[in-house]
């Protein structure tokens, strides 16, 4: 996400992070990273100047 800060700064877009860093994801790391990069790229491209991008991630218990 930090790699998108310079692009966001050019458009005066605030990137707000609300991330629970105790999340454990059992998945292919590179595929998750690729999805996040695609989403961030689109958000920076299509967010209006002076806008905001909000990133939220948290763990939610799923009933078994």
Protein backbone atom coordinates (compact mmCIF):
# COMPACT_ATOMS: atom_id res chain seq x y z
CA UNK A 1 0.00 0.00 0.00
CA UNK A 2 2.89 2.32 0.70
CA UNK A 3 3.99 2.05 -2.92
CA UNK A 4 0.74 3.80 -3.90
CA UNK A 5 1.30 6.78 -1.58
CA UNK A 6 3.23 8.87 -4.14
CA UNK A 7 0.47 8.39 -6.75
CA UNK A 8 -2.20 9.23 -4.19
CA UNK A 9 -0.27 12.31 -3.06
CA UNK A 10 -0.25 13.66 -6.62
CA UNK A 11 -4.07 13.64 -6.56
CA UNK A 12 -4.21 14.72 -2.90
CA UNK A 13 -5.92 11.41 -1.98
CA UNK A 14 -5.79 10.34 1.65
CA UNK A 15 -5.13 6.64 2.30
CA UNK A 16 -6.70 5.66 5.62
CA UNK A 17 -5.80 2.25 7.06
CA UNK A 18 -7.88 0.45 9.68
CA UNK A 19 -6.18 -2.94 9.71
CA UNK A 20 -6.09 -5.59 12.41
CA UNK A 21 -2.58 -6.95 12.06
CA UNK A 22 -3.37 -10.11 14.05
CA UNK A 23 -5.19 -11.62 11.08
CA UNK A 24 -4.10 -15.04 9.88
CA UNK A 25 -4.98 -15.93 6.32
CA UNK A 26 -4.33 -19.37 4.95
CA UNK A 27 -3.96 -18.68 1.26
CA UNK A 28 -1.46 -18.13 -1.49
CA UNK A 29 0.37 -14.96 -0.41
CA UNK A 30 1.34 -13.84 -3.91
CA UNK A 31 -2.23 -14.19 -5.19
CA UNK A 32 -3.64 -12.17 -2.30
CA UNK A 33 -0.94 -9.55 -2.84
CA UNK A 34 -1.81 -9.39 -6.55
CA UNK A 35 -5.50 -8.83 -5.80
CA UNK A 36 -4.71 -6.05 -3.31
CA UNK A 37 -2.38 -4.39 -5.82
CA UNK A 38 -5.06 -4.48 -8.55
CA UNK A 39 -7.65 -3.02 -6.19
CA UNK A 40 -5.29 -0.26 -4.99
CA UNK A 41 -4.27 0.58 -8.54
CA UNK A 42 -7.93 0.99 -9.52
CA UNK A 43 -8.78 2.98 -6.39
CA UNK A 44 -5.95 5.48 -7.00
CA UNK A 45 -6.84 5.80 -10.69
CA UNK A 46 -10.57 6.29 -10.19
CA UNK A 47 -10.78 8.20 -6.91
CA UNK A 48 -11.43 11.90 -7.44
CA UNK A 49 -8.80 14.47 -6.49
CA UNK A 50 -8.95 15.33 -2.79
CA UNK A 51 -10.71 12.02 -2.13
CA UNK A 52 -10.08 9.22 0.34
CA UNK A 53 -9.24 5.54 0.05
CA UNK A 54 -10.16 3.55 3.15
CA UNK A 55 -8.56 0.14 3.74
CA UNK A 56 -10.22 -2.04 6.35
CA UNK A 57 -9.30 -5.60 7.32
CA UNK A 58 -10.35 -7.50 10.41
CA UNK A 59 -10.89 -11.05 11.57
CA UNK A 60 -14.40 -12.33 11.86
CA UNK A 61 -15.25 -15.61 13.50
CA UNK A 62 -17.04 -17.96 11.16
CA UNK A 63 -19.33 -20.59 12.69
CA UNK A 64 -18.19 -24.14 12.04
